[in-house]
Amino acid sequence: MHMLSFKEFITESEVDEASVARINRIRAGKVERRKIVSLRPGYKVQDGKLVRMTSQERMHRKMAQRKAARKRQPLLSRILRKRAMSIRKRKSAGIK
């Protein structure tokens, strides 16, 4: 009886299953149900499979996030107030 290697022990599909989550999120006022997102940093979901992002894509995403954060800064107090209101509404409706 030989000992299994790590790759043999954990198949690729099991690793993918643990690294992917299905979420519901709201975009433009509509609910995107069961959207598949990656939980592993540096990876993205493409055609239902986990794919490593190129270094160029990771750099562009990081720069875009910085730019978006700067643009969002002046609106932050309004965003937080609206979020608190919607959380209150959900609680009173018994949703969450």
Protein backbone atom coordinates (compact mmCIF):
# COMPACT_ATOMS: atom_id res chain seq x y z
CA MET A 1 0.00 0.00 0.00
CA HIS A 2 1.57 3.28 -1.10
CA MET A 3 0.83 6.63 0.42
CA LEU A 4 -1.23 9.04 -1.71
CA SER A 5 0.40 12.27 -2.80
CA PHE A 6 -1.30 15.50 -1.86
CA LYS A 7 -2.49 16.01 -5.46
CA GLU A 8 -4.01 12.54 -5.53
CA PHE A 9 -5.61 13.04 -2.12
CA ILE A 10 -7.29 16.30 -3.00
CA THR A 11 -8.61 16.33 -6.54
CA GLU A 12 -8.80 19.56 -8.49
CA SER A 13 -12.62 19.69 -8.29
CA GLU A 14 -12.58 19.54 -4.47
CA VAL A 15 -10.11 22.43 -4.35
CA ASP A 16 -12.30 24.39 -6.79
CA GLU A 17 -15.45 23.65 -4.74
CA ALA A 18 -13.83 25.05 -1.58
CA SER A 19 -12.56 28.15 -3.40
CA VAL A 20 -15.86 29.22 -4.98
CA ALA A 21 -18.97 30.69 -3.38
CA ARG A 22 -22.46 31.35 -4.70
CA ILE A 23 -23.84 34.68 -3.53
CA ASN A 24 -26.86 36.90 -4.09
CA ARG A 25 -25.91 40.50 -4.72
CA ILE A 26 -27.68 43.68 -5.80
CA ARG A 27 -26.50 45.53 -8.90
CA ALA A 28 -28.39 48.50 -10.36
CA GLY A 29 -31.40 47.79 -8.12
CA LYS A 30 -31.78 44.19 -9.37
CA VAL A 31 -30.82 41.03 -7.49
CA GLU A 32 -28.22 38.80 -9.17
CA ARG A 33 -29.09 35.42 -7.70
CA ARG A 34 -26.49 32.71 -7.14
CA LYS A 35 -23.60 34.66 -8.67
CA ILE A 36 -20.43 32.52 -8.54
CA VAL A 37 -17.40 34.32 -7.07
CA SER A 38 -13.86 33.22 -6.25
CA LEU A 39 -12.68 33.05 -2.63
CA ARG A 40 -9.01 32.55 -3.55
CA PRO A 41 -7.01 35.76 -3.91
CA GLY A 42 -5.51 36.19 -7.37
CA TYR A 43 -8.09 33.91 -9.02
CA LYS A 44 -11.34 34.66 -10.86
CA VAL A 45 -14.23 32.56 -12.14
CA GLN A 46 -14.30 32.23 -15.91
CA ASP A 47 -16.77 29.89 -17.64
CA GLY A 48 -17.53 28.27 -14.29
CA LYS A 49 -13.87 27.43 -13.57
CA LEU A 50 -11.24 29.07 -11.36
CA VAL A 51 -8.59 30.80 -13.46
CA ARG A 52 -5.48 32.59 -12.24
CA MET A 53 -5.53 36.31 -13.07
CA THR A 54 -2.63 37.76 -15.00
CA SER A 55 -0.38 40.16 -13.12
CA GLN A 56 -1.49 42.92 -15.51
CA GLU A 57 -5.18 42.32 -14.70
CA ARG A 58 -4.46 42.29 -10.96
CA MET A 59 -2.55 45.59 -11.27
CA HIS A 60 -5.35 47.20 -13.31
CA ARG A 61 -8.00 46.04 -10.81
CA LYS A 62 -5.98 47.41 -7.90
CA MET A 63 -5.58 50.80 -9.61
CA ALA A 64 -9.29 50.90 -10.49
CA GLN A 65 -10.23 50.11 -6.89
CA ARG A 66 -8.04 52.98 -5.63
CA LYS A 67 -9.65 55.36 -8.13
CA ALA A 68 -13.16 54.20 -7.21
CA ALA A 69 -12.39 54.60 -3.48
CA ARG A 70 -11.27 58.21 -4.06
CA LYS A 71 -14.46 58.96 -6.01
CA ARG A 72 -16.62 57.32 -3.34
CA GLN A 73 -15.04 59.22 -0.44
CA PRO A 74 -17.27 62.36 -0.58
CA LEU A 75 -20.44 60.21 -0.74
CA LEU A 76 -19.47 57.89 2.12
CA SER A 77 -21.65 59.48 4.83
CA ARG A 78 -24.72 59.27 2.56
CA ILE A 79 -23.90 55.63 1.67
CA LEU A 80 -23.54 54.65 5.34
CA ARG A 81 -26.79 56.40 6.28
CA LYS A 82 -28.72 54.62 3.50
CA ARG A 83 -27.17 51.27 4.44
CA ALA A 84 -28.22 51.74 8.07
CA MET A 85 -31.77 52.57 6.92
CA SER A 86 -32.04 49.46 4.74
CA ILE A 87 -30.66 47.26 7.54
CA ARG A 88 -33.30 48.71 9.89
CA LYS A 89 -36.03 48.03 7.30
CA ARG A 90 -34.86 44.43 6.89
CA LYS A 91 -34.79 43.89 10.64
CA SER A 92 -38.28 45.29 11.10
CA ALA A 93 -39.54 43.10 8.23
CA GLY A 94 -37.87 40.09 9.88
CA ILE A 95 -35.68 39.35 6.87
CA LYS A 96 -32.30 39.61 8.61
